[in-house]
N, C-alpha and C. Protein backbone atom coordinates (compact mmCIF):
# COMPACT_ATOMS: atom_id res chain seq x y z
N MET A 1 5.30 -40.51 6.67
CA MET A 1 4.48 -39.33 6.87
C MET A 1 4.54 -38.45 5.62
N PRO A 2 3.43 -37.95 5.18
CA PRO A 2 3.44 -37.11 3.98
C PRO A 2 4.09 -35.77 4.24
N ARG A 3 4.77 -35.28 3.25
CA ARG A 3 5.31 -33.92 3.30
C ARG A 3 4.26 -33.01 2.71
N SER A 4 4.07 -31.88 3.31
CA SER A 4 3.13 -30.90 2.78
C SER A 4 3.93 -29.81 2.09
N THR A 5 3.41 -29.35 1.00
CA THR A 5 4.05 -28.29 0.24
C THR A 5 3.01 -27.23 -0.04
N LEU A 6 3.32 -26.00 0.29
CA LEU A 6 2.43 -24.90 -0.08
C LEU A 6 3.09 -24.14 -1.20
N THR A 7 2.38 -24.01 -2.30
CA THR A 7 2.92 -23.33 -3.45
C THR A 7 2.10 -22.09 -3.72
N PRO A 8 2.71 -20.93 -3.63
CA PRO A 8 1.98 -19.73 -3.97
C PRO A 8 1.55 -19.72 -5.43
N ALA A 9 0.63 -18.86 -5.74
CA ALA A 9 -0.03 -18.90 -7.03
C ALA A 9 0.87 -18.62 -8.21
N ARG A 10 1.98 -17.96 -8.00
CA ARG A 10 2.83 -17.69 -9.16
C ARG A 10 3.35 -18.98 -9.77
N TRP A 11 3.26 -20.07 -9.03
CA TRP A 11 3.66 -21.34 -9.60
C TRP A 11 2.61 -21.77 -10.61
N SER A 12 3.05 -21.97 -11.82
CA SER A 12 2.12 -22.50 -12.81
C SER A 12 2.76 -23.64 -13.58
N SER A 13 3.88 -24.15 -13.07
CA SER A 13 4.51 -25.29 -13.71
C SER A 13 3.54 -26.45 -13.73
N GLY A 14 3.64 -27.26 -14.75
CA GLY A 14 2.69 -28.33 -14.92
C GLY A 14 1.56 -27.89 -15.83
N TYR A 15 1.30 -26.62 -15.88
CA TYR A 15 0.30 -26.06 -16.78
C TYR A 15 0.98 -25.41 -17.97
N MET A 16 2.10 -24.75 -17.70
CA MET A 16 2.91 -24.10 -18.73
C MET A 16 4.36 -24.24 -18.32
N ALA A 17 5.20 -24.62 -19.26
CA ALA A 17 6.59 -24.89 -18.94
C ALA A 17 7.33 -23.61 -18.55
N GLU A 18 8.11 -23.73 -17.47
CA GLU A 18 9.00 -22.67 -17.03
C GLU A 18 10.11 -23.32 -16.22
N THR A 19 11.07 -22.55 -15.77
CA THR A 19 12.17 -23.10 -15.01
C THR A 19 11.62 -23.86 -13.80
N GLY A 20 12.11 -25.07 -13.61
CA GLY A 20 11.69 -25.87 -12.47
C GLY A 20 10.48 -26.74 -12.72
N THR A 21 9.92 -26.69 -13.93
CA THR A 21 8.71 -27.47 -14.23
C THR A 21 8.91 -28.96 -13.95
N ALA A 22 10.01 -29.52 -14.44
CA ALA A 22 10.23 -30.96 -14.26
C ALA A 22 10.29 -31.33 -12.78
N TRP A 23 10.96 -30.50 -11.98
CA TRP A 23 11.06 -30.76 -10.54
C TRP A 23 9.69 -30.68 -9.88
N ILE A 24 8.92 -29.64 -10.19
CA ILE A 24 7.58 -29.48 -9.62
C ILE A 24 6.70 -30.67 -10.00
N GLU A 25 6.80 -31.11 -11.24
CA GLU A 25 5.99 -32.25 -11.66
C GLU A 25 6.36 -33.51 -10.88
N LEU A 26 7.64 -33.70 -10.57
CA LEU A 26 8.06 -34.84 -9.75
C LEU A 26 7.49 -34.73 -8.33
N VAL A 27 7.55 -33.55 -7.76
CA VAL A 27 7.00 -33.34 -6.42
C VAL A 27 5.50 -33.63 -6.41
N CYS A 28 4.81 -33.10 -7.40
CA CYS A 28 3.35 -33.27 -7.45
C CYS A 28 2.94 -34.70 -7.78
N ALA A 29 3.77 -35.43 -8.49
CA ALA A 29 3.43 -36.80 -8.87
C ALA A 29 3.54 -37.76 -7.69
N ASP A 30 4.25 -37.37 -6.66
CA ASP A 30 4.43 -38.21 -5.48
C ASP A 30 3.17 -38.11 -4.61
N ASP A 31 2.39 -39.19 -4.58
CA ASP A 31 1.12 -39.17 -3.85
C ASP A 31 1.28 -39.01 -2.34
N SER A 32 2.50 -39.15 -1.84
CA SER A 32 2.70 -38.93 -0.40
C SER A 32 2.78 -37.44 -0.08
N HIS A 33 2.89 -36.60 -1.09
CA HIS A 33 2.92 -35.16 -0.89
C HIS A 33 1.50 -34.59 -0.95
N VAL A 34 1.22 -33.69 -0.04
CA VAL A 34 -0.03 -32.94 -0.07
C VAL A 34 0.32 -31.57 -0.64
N ILE A 35 -0.32 -31.19 -1.71
CA ILE A 35 -0.06 -29.90 -2.34
C ILE A 35 -1.17 -28.95 -1.90
N ALA A 36 -0.77 -27.91 -1.20
CA ALA A 36 -1.73 -26.93 -0.70
C ALA A 36 -1.52 -25.61 -1.41
N ILE A 37 -2.61 -24.91 -1.63
CA ILE A 37 -2.57 -23.60 -2.26
C ILE A 37 -3.67 -22.75 -1.62
N ALA A 38 -3.35 -21.49 -1.39
CA ALA A 38 -4.39 -20.59 -0.89
C ALA A 38 -5.46 -20.47 -1.96
N GLN A 39 -6.72 -20.48 -1.54
CA GLN A 39 -7.82 -20.41 -2.50
C GLN A 39 -7.65 -19.26 -3.48
N ILE A 40 -7.22 -18.12 -3.00
CA ILE A 40 -7.05 -16.95 -3.87
C ILE A 40 -5.97 -17.19 -4.92
N GLY A 41 -5.12 -18.16 -4.67
CA GLY A 41 -4.08 -18.50 -5.64
C GLY A 41 -4.65 -18.98 -6.96
N LEU A 42 -5.81 -19.60 -6.90
CA LEU A 42 -6.44 -20.05 -8.14
C LEU A 42 -6.75 -18.86 -9.04
N VAL A 43 -7.19 -17.78 -8.45
CA VAL A 43 -7.50 -16.57 -9.22
C VAL A 43 -6.20 -16.00 -9.81
N GLU A 44 -5.14 -16.00 -9.02
CA GLU A 44 -3.87 -15.47 -9.51
C GLU A 44 -3.35 -16.29 -10.69
N VAL A 45 -3.44 -17.60 -10.60
CA VAL A 45 -2.97 -18.44 -11.70
C VAL A 45 -3.85 -18.25 -12.93
N ALA A 46 -5.16 -18.22 -12.73
CA ALA A 46 -6.08 -18.00 -13.86
C ALA A 46 -5.79 -16.66 -14.53
N ALA A 47 -5.51 -15.63 -13.73
CA ALA A 47 -5.19 -14.31 -14.29
C ALA A 47 -3.88 -14.35 -15.07
N ALA A 48 -2.90 -15.12 -14.59
CA ALA A 48 -1.64 -15.25 -15.32
C ALA A 48 -1.87 -15.94 -16.67
N PHE A 49 -2.71 -16.97 -16.66
CA PHE A 49 -3.05 -17.63 -17.92
C PHE A 49 -3.72 -16.65 -18.88
N ALA A 50 -4.68 -15.90 -18.37
CA ALA A 50 -5.42 -14.95 -19.21
C ALA A 50 -4.48 -13.88 -19.77
N SER A 51 -3.53 -13.44 -18.97
CA SER A 51 -2.56 -12.45 -19.44
C SER A 51 -1.72 -13.02 -20.57
N LYS A 52 -1.28 -14.27 -20.42
CA LYS A 52 -0.51 -14.91 -21.50
C LYS A 52 -1.36 -15.04 -22.76
N ARG A 53 -2.64 -15.32 -22.59
CA ARG A 53 -3.53 -15.43 -23.75
C ARG A 53 -3.72 -14.08 -24.42
N ARG A 54 -4.00 -13.05 -23.62
CA ARG A 54 -4.20 -11.71 -24.20
C ARG A 54 -2.95 -11.20 -24.91
N GLY A 55 -1.79 -11.58 -24.39
CA GLY A 55 -0.53 -11.16 -25.02
C GLY A 55 -0.11 -12.05 -26.17
N ASN A 56 -0.96 -13.00 -26.53
CA ASN A 56 -0.68 -13.94 -27.61
C ASN A 56 0.57 -14.78 -27.38
N PHE A 57 0.88 -15.04 -26.09
CA PHE A 57 2.00 -15.91 -25.77
C PHE A 57 1.57 -17.37 -25.78
N ILE A 58 0.26 -17.59 -25.67
CA ILE A 58 -0.30 -18.93 -25.77
C ILE A 58 -1.54 -18.88 -26.66
N ALA A 59 -1.83 -19.99 -27.28
CA ALA A 59 -3.00 -20.10 -28.15
C ALA A 59 -4.27 -20.28 -27.32
N PRO A 60 -5.43 -19.99 -27.92
CA PRO A 60 -6.68 -20.16 -27.18
C PRO A 60 -6.87 -21.57 -26.61
N ASP A 61 -6.50 -22.60 -27.36
CA ASP A 61 -6.67 -23.97 -26.85
C ASP A 61 -5.71 -24.25 -25.69
N GLU A 62 -4.50 -23.69 -25.73
CA GLU A 62 -3.58 -23.86 -24.60
C GLU A 62 -4.14 -23.19 -23.34
N TYR A 63 -4.71 -22.01 -23.52
CA TYR A 63 -5.33 -21.31 -22.40
C TYR A 63 -6.48 -22.13 -21.83
N ASP A 64 -7.37 -22.60 -22.71
CA ASP A 64 -8.53 -23.39 -22.26
C ASP A 64 -8.08 -24.65 -21.53
N ASN A 65 -7.07 -25.34 -22.07
CA ASN A 65 -6.59 -26.57 -21.45
C ASN A 65 -5.95 -26.29 -20.10
N ALA A 66 -5.14 -25.25 -20.02
CA ALA A 66 -4.47 -24.91 -18.75
C ALA A 66 -5.50 -24.56 -17.69
N LEU A 67 -6.49 -23.77 -18.05
CA LEU A 67 -7.52 -23.38 -17.10
C LEU A 67 -8.35 -24.58 -16.65
N ALA A 68 -8.70 -25.45 -17.58
CA ALA A 68 -9.46 -26.65 -17.23
C ALA A 68 -8.64 -27.56 -16.31
N ASP A 69 -7.34 -27.70 -16.58
CA ASP A 69 -6.47 -28.52 -15.73
C ASP A 69 -6.36 -27.91 -14.33
N LEU A 70 -6.24 -26.60 -14.25
CA LEU A 70 -6.16 -25.93 -12.96
C LEU A 70 -7.43 -26.19 -12.14
N ILE A 71 -8.57 -26.02 -12.76
CA ILE A 71 -9.84 -26.22 -12.06
C ILE A 71 -10.00 -27.67 -11.62
N CYS A 72 -9.62 -28.59 -12.48
CA CYS A 72 -9.69 -30.02 -12.13
C CYS A 72 -8.77 -30.32 -10.96
N ASP A 73 -7.53 -29.84 -11.03
CA ASP A 73 -6.58 -30.08 -9.94
C ASP A 73 -7.06 -29.47 -8.64
N ALA A 74 -7.67 -28.29 -8.71
CA ALA A 74 -8.18 -27.63 -7.50
C ALA A 74 -9.26 -28.48 -6.85
N GLN A 75 -10.03 -29.18 -7.66
CA GLN A 75 -11.13 -30.00 -7.13
C GLN A 75 -10.67 -31.37 -6.67
N THR A 76 -9.59 -31.88 -7.27
CA THR A 76 -9.23 -33.28 -7.01
C THR A 76 -7.86 -33.48 -6.39
N ARG A 77 -6.95 -32.54 -6.54
CA ARG A 77 -5.56 -32.78 -6.14
C ARG A 77 -5.07 -31.87 -5.02
N TYR A 78 -5.49 -30.62 -5.03
CA TYR A 78 -4.95 -29.65 -4.10
C TYR A 78 -5.77 -29.55 -2.83
N LEU A 79 -5.08 -29.27 -1.75
CA LEU A 79 -5.72 -28.86 -0.52
C LEU A 79 -5.83 -27.34 -0.62
N LEU A 80 -7.06 -26.83 -0.64
CA LEU A 80 -7.27 -25.39 -0.77
C LEU A 80 -7.37 -24.77 0.62
N ALA A 81 -6.47 -23.85 0.89
CA ALA A 81 -6.47 -23.15 2.17
C ALA A 81 -7.42 -21.97 2.08
N ALA A 82 -8.45 -22.00 2.92
CA ALA A 82 -9.43 -20.92 2.92
C ALA A 82 -8.82 -19.64 3.48
N VAL A 83 -9.26 -18.54 2.92
CA VAL A 83 -8.81 -17.24 3.39
C VAL A 83 -9.96 -16.63 4.19
N ASP A 84 -9.82 -16.68 5.50
CA ASP A 84 -10.84 -16.12 6.38
C ASP A 84 -10.24 -14.93 7.13
N GLN A 85 -10.99 -14.39 8.07
CA GLN A 85 -10.52 -13.20 8.78
C GLN A 85 -9.25 -13.47 9.58
N THR A 86 -9.11 -14.66 10.11
CA THR A 86 -7.89 -15.01 10.85
C THR A 86 -6.68 -14.95 9.94
N ILE A 87 -6.81 -15.48 8.74
CA ILE A 87 -5.70 -15.44 7.77
C ILE A 87 -5.41 -13.99 7.37
N VAL A 88 -6.44 -13.21 7.13
CA VAL A 88 -6.25 -11.80 6.77
C VAL A 88 -5.52 -11.06 7.90
N ASP A 89 -5.94 -11.28 9.13
CA ASP A 89 -5.28 -10.64 10.27
C ASP A 89 -3.81 -11.05 10.37
N SER A 90 -3.56 -12.33 10.17
CA SER A 90 -2.18 -12.83 10.19
C SER A 90 -1.36 -12.21 9.06
N ALA A 91 -1.95 -12.12 7.88
CA ALA A 91 -1.25 -11.53 6.73
C ALA A 91 -0.91 -10.07 7.00
N ILE A 92 -1.82 -9.35 7.61
CA ILE A 92 -1.55 -7.95 7.95
C ILE A 92 -0.35 -7.86 8.89
N GLN A 93 -0.31 -8.73 9.90
CA GLN A 93 0.83 -8.72 10.83
C GLN A 93 2.12 -9.10 10.13
N LEU A 94 2.04 -10.02 9.18
CA LEU A 94 3.23 -10.41 8.42
C LEU A 94 3.81 -9.22 7.65
N THR A 95 2.93 -8.36 7.13
CA THR A 95 3.43 -7.19 6.38
C THR A 95 4.16 -6.22 7.29
N ARG A 96 3.90 -6.27 8.57
CA ARG A 96 4.62 -5.43 9.54
C ARG A 96 6.04 -5.94 9.75
N ARG A 97 6.19 -7.27 9.67
CA ARG A 97 7.49 -7.89 9.98
C ARG A 97 8.33 -8.19 8.75
N GLN A 98 7.69 -8.40 7.64
CA GLN A 98 8.39 -8.88 6.45
C GLN A 98 8.12 -7.98 5.25
N ARG A 99 9.02 -8.04 4.30
CA ARG A 99 8.87 -7.30 3.05
C ARG A 99 8.01 -8.16 2.11
N LEU A 100 6.70 -7.90 2.10
CA LEU A 100 5.76 -8.73 1.34
C LEU A 100 4.74 -7.88 0.60
N ARG A 101 4.37 -8.34 -0.58
CA ARG A 101 3.22 -7.78 -1.28
C ARG A 101 1.97 -8.40 -0.65
N GLY A 102 0.81 -7.81 -0.95
CA GLY A 102 -0.43 -8.21 -0.29
C GLY A 102 -0.76 -9.69 -0.38
N TYR A 103 -0.90 -10.20 -1.58
CA TYR A 103 -1.28 -11.61 -1.70
C TYR A 103 -0.16 -12.54 -1.27
N ASP A 104 1.09 -12.10 -1.38
CA ASP A 104 2.19 -12.91 -0.87
C ASP A 104 2.04 -13.09 0.64
N ALA A 105 1.63 -12.04 1.33
CA ALA A 105 1.40 -12.13 2.77
C ALA A 105 0.27 -13.12 3.06
N VAL A 106 -0.75 -13.14 2.23
CA VAL A 106 -1.86 -14.08 2.41
C VAL A 106 -1.38 -15.51 2.20
N HIS A 107 -0.59 -15.74 1.16
CA HIS A 107 -0.05 -17.08 0.92
C HIS A 107 0.79 -17.54 2.11
N LEU A 108 1.63 -16.66 2.62
CA LEU A 108 2.48 -17.02 3.75
C LEU A 108 1.64 -17.25 5.01
N ALA A 109 0.63 -16.45 5.23
CA ALA A 109 -0.25 -16.66 6.39
C ALA A 109 -0.95 -18.02 6.29
N CYS A 110 -1.38 -18.40 5.11
CA CYS A 110 -1.99 -19.72 4.92
C CYS A 110 -0.99 -20.83 5.24
N ALA A 111 0.24 -20.67 4.76
CA ALA A 111 1.27 -21.68 5.02
C ALA A 111 1.53 -21.83 6.52
N LEU A 112 1.65 -20.71 7.19
CA LEU A 112 1.90 -20.76 8.64
C LEU A 112 0.73 -21.44 9.37
N ALA A 113 -0.49 -21.13 8.94
CA ALA A 113 -1.67 -21.74 9.56
C ALA A 113 -1.73 -23.24 9.30
N LEU A 114 -1.33 -23.66 8.12
CA LEU A 114 -1.31 -25.10 7.80
C LEU A 114 -0.17 -25.82 8.51
N ASN A 115 0.95 -25.13 8.68
CA ASN A 115 2.13 -25.76 9.27
C ASN A 115 1.98 -26.01 10.77
N GLU A 116 1.32 -25.12 11.45
CA GLU A 116 1.24 -25.22 12.91
C GLU A 116 0.69 -26.56 13.39
N PRO A 117 -0.46 -27.02 12.87
CA PRO A 117 -0.96 -28.32 13.37
C PRO A 117 -0.06 -29.50 12.95
N LEU A 118 0.64 -29.37 11.83
CA LEU A 118 1.56 -30.43 11.43
C LEU A 118 2.66 -30.58 12.48
N VAL A 119 3.27 -29.47 12.81
CA VAL A 119 4.37 -29.49 13.77
C VAL A 119 3.87 -29.92 15.14
N ASP A 120 2.71 -29.39 15.55
CA ASP A 120 2.15 -29.72 16.86
C ASP A 120 1.84 -31.20 17.00
N SER A 121 1.51 -31.86 15.89
CA SER A 121 1.17 -33.29 15.95
C SER A 121 2.35 -34.20 15.64
N GLY A 122 3.54 -33.61 15.51
CA GLY A 122 4.73 -34.41 15.28
C GLY A 122 4.95 -34.84 13.85
N GLN A 123 4.18 -34.29 12.92
CA GLN A 123 4.37 -34.61 11.51
C GLN A 123 5.46 -33.71 10.92
N PRO A 124 5.99 -34.09 9.77
CA PRO A 124 7.00 -33.24 9.14
C PRO A 124 6.39 -31.88 8.79
N PRO A 125 7.16 -30.82 8.96
CA PRO A 125 6.64 -29.50 8.60
C PRO A 125 6.48 -29.37 7.10
N LEU A 126 5.65 -28.42 6.69
CA LEU A 126 5.48 -28.21 5.26
C LEU A 126 6.71 -27.52 4.68
N ILE A 127 6.83 -27.62 3.40
CA ILE A 127 7.89 -26.93 2.66
C ILE A 127 7.20 -25.88 1.80
N PHE A 128 7.59 -24.64 1.97
CA PHE A 128 7.00 -23.53 1.25
C PHE A 128 7.77 -23.36 -0.06
N VAL A 129 7.09 -23.51 -1.18
CA VAL A 129 7.72 -23.46 -2.49
C VAL A 129 7.29 -22.21 -3.22
N ALA A 130 8.28 -21.46 -3.68
CA ALA A 130 8.02 -20.23 -4.44
C ALA A 130 9.25 -19.90 -5.25
N ALA A 131 9.06 -19.11 -6.29
CA ALA A 131 10.18 -18.65 -7.10
C ALA A 131 10.52 -17.19 -6.79
N ASP A 132 9.90 -16.62 -5.79
CA ASP A 132 10.09 -15.22 -5.41
C ASP A 132 11.03 -15.16 -4.19
N GLU A 133 12.19 -14.56 -4.37
CA GLU A 133 13.20 -14.55 -3.32
C GLU A 133 12.74 -13.80 -2.07
N ASP A 134 12.03 -12.67 -2.23
CA ASP A 134 11.53 -11.95 -1.06
C ASP A 134 10.54 -12.80 -0.27
N LEU A 135 9.67 -13.48 -0.98
CA LEU A 135 8.68 -14.33 -0.33
C LEU A 135 9.36 -15.50 0.37
N LEU A 136 10.34 -16.11 -0.27
CA LEU A 136 11.07 -17.21 0.36
C LEU A 136 11.83 -16.74 1.60
N ALA A 137 12.42 -15.55 1.52
CA ALA A 137 13.14 -15.01 2.68
C ALA A 137 12.18 -14.76 3.84
N ALA A 138 11.01 -14.25 3.53
CA ALA A 138 10.01 -14.00 4.58
C ALA A 138 9.55 -15.32 5.19
N ALA A 139 9.31 -16.32 4.35
CA ALA A 139 8.88 -17.63 4.85
C ALA A 139 9.95 -18.24 5.75
N ALA A 140 11.20 -18.15 5.33
CA ALA A 140 12.29 -18.67 6.15
C ALA A 140 12.40 -17.91 7.47
N ALA A 141 12.25 -16.59 7.41
CA ALA A 141 12.31 -15.78 8.63
C ALA A 141 11.18 -16.13 9.60
N GLU A 142 10.06 -16.62 9.06
CA GLU A 142 8.93 -17.03 9.90
C GLU A 142 9.04 -18.49 10.33
N GLY A 143 10.15 -19.13 9.97
CA GLY A 143 10.41 -20.48 10.46
C GLY A 143 10.03 -21.62 9.55
N LEU A 144 9.67 -21.33 8.31
CA LEU A 144 9.29 -22.40 7.38
C LEU A 144 10.49 -22.88 6.58
N ALA A 145 10.49 -24.16 6.28
CA ALA A 145 11.43 -24.69 5.30
C ALA A 145 10.97 -24.20 3.93
N THR A 146 11.91 -23.90 3.06
CA THR A 146 11.56 -23.36 1.74
C THR A 146 12.31 -24.10 0.64
N ASP A 147 11.78 -23.97 -0.55
CA ASP A 147 12.47 -24.45 -1.74
C ASP A 147 12.03 -23.60 -2.93
N ASN A 148 12.92 -23.48 -3.89
CA ASN A 148 12.70 -22.65 -5.07
C ASN A 148 12.80 -23.51 -6.31
N PRO A 149 11.75 -23.57 -7.12
CA PRO A 149 11.82 -24.37 -8.36
C PRO A 149 12.95 -23.93 -9.29
N ASN A 150 13.34 -22.66 -9.20
CA ASN A 150 14.42 -22.17 -10.05
C ASN A 150 15.76 -22.79 -9.69
N ASP A 151 15.85 -23.39 -8.51
CA ASP A 151 17.06 -24.09 -8.11
C ASP A 151 17.12 -25.52 -8.65
N HIS A 152 16.09 -25.90 -9.40
CA HIS A 152 15.98 -27.26 -9.94
C HIS A 152 15.66 -27.18 -11.44
N PRO A 153 16.56 -26.57 -12.22
CA PRO A 153 16.26 -26.41 -13.66
C PRO A 153 16.20 -27.74 -14.41
């Protein structure tokens, strides 16, 4: 049975090296894994790339390549979790229970929505991957298995 992994948008390993990149690349290379990301996560990653470009931390060609790879992966590799009113409502409720920033609540709401049918059908639950300790704590408190790329340097 495939393992599902939801990675919030702050993950950009595979596009730009950071702690945990090698581990994330191994996870993503395994075709039995389904990599899911909230649709809005694409905007967050693109904005992170643009910020690195504006700050001259990456060259224009590195920015162009990273953005092109992200768009290609979004079309061919990732399961994109749509953000609809149900997800927004769930995210709002999550902010009542957990210490979350706005889009982090949306990412977690998407993960919970994706996880429910997996568990209900007897499949392995998804693993929520993030490098943000508050977000991981909230995901764990909501019953999700979690992992942190920073734990796999």
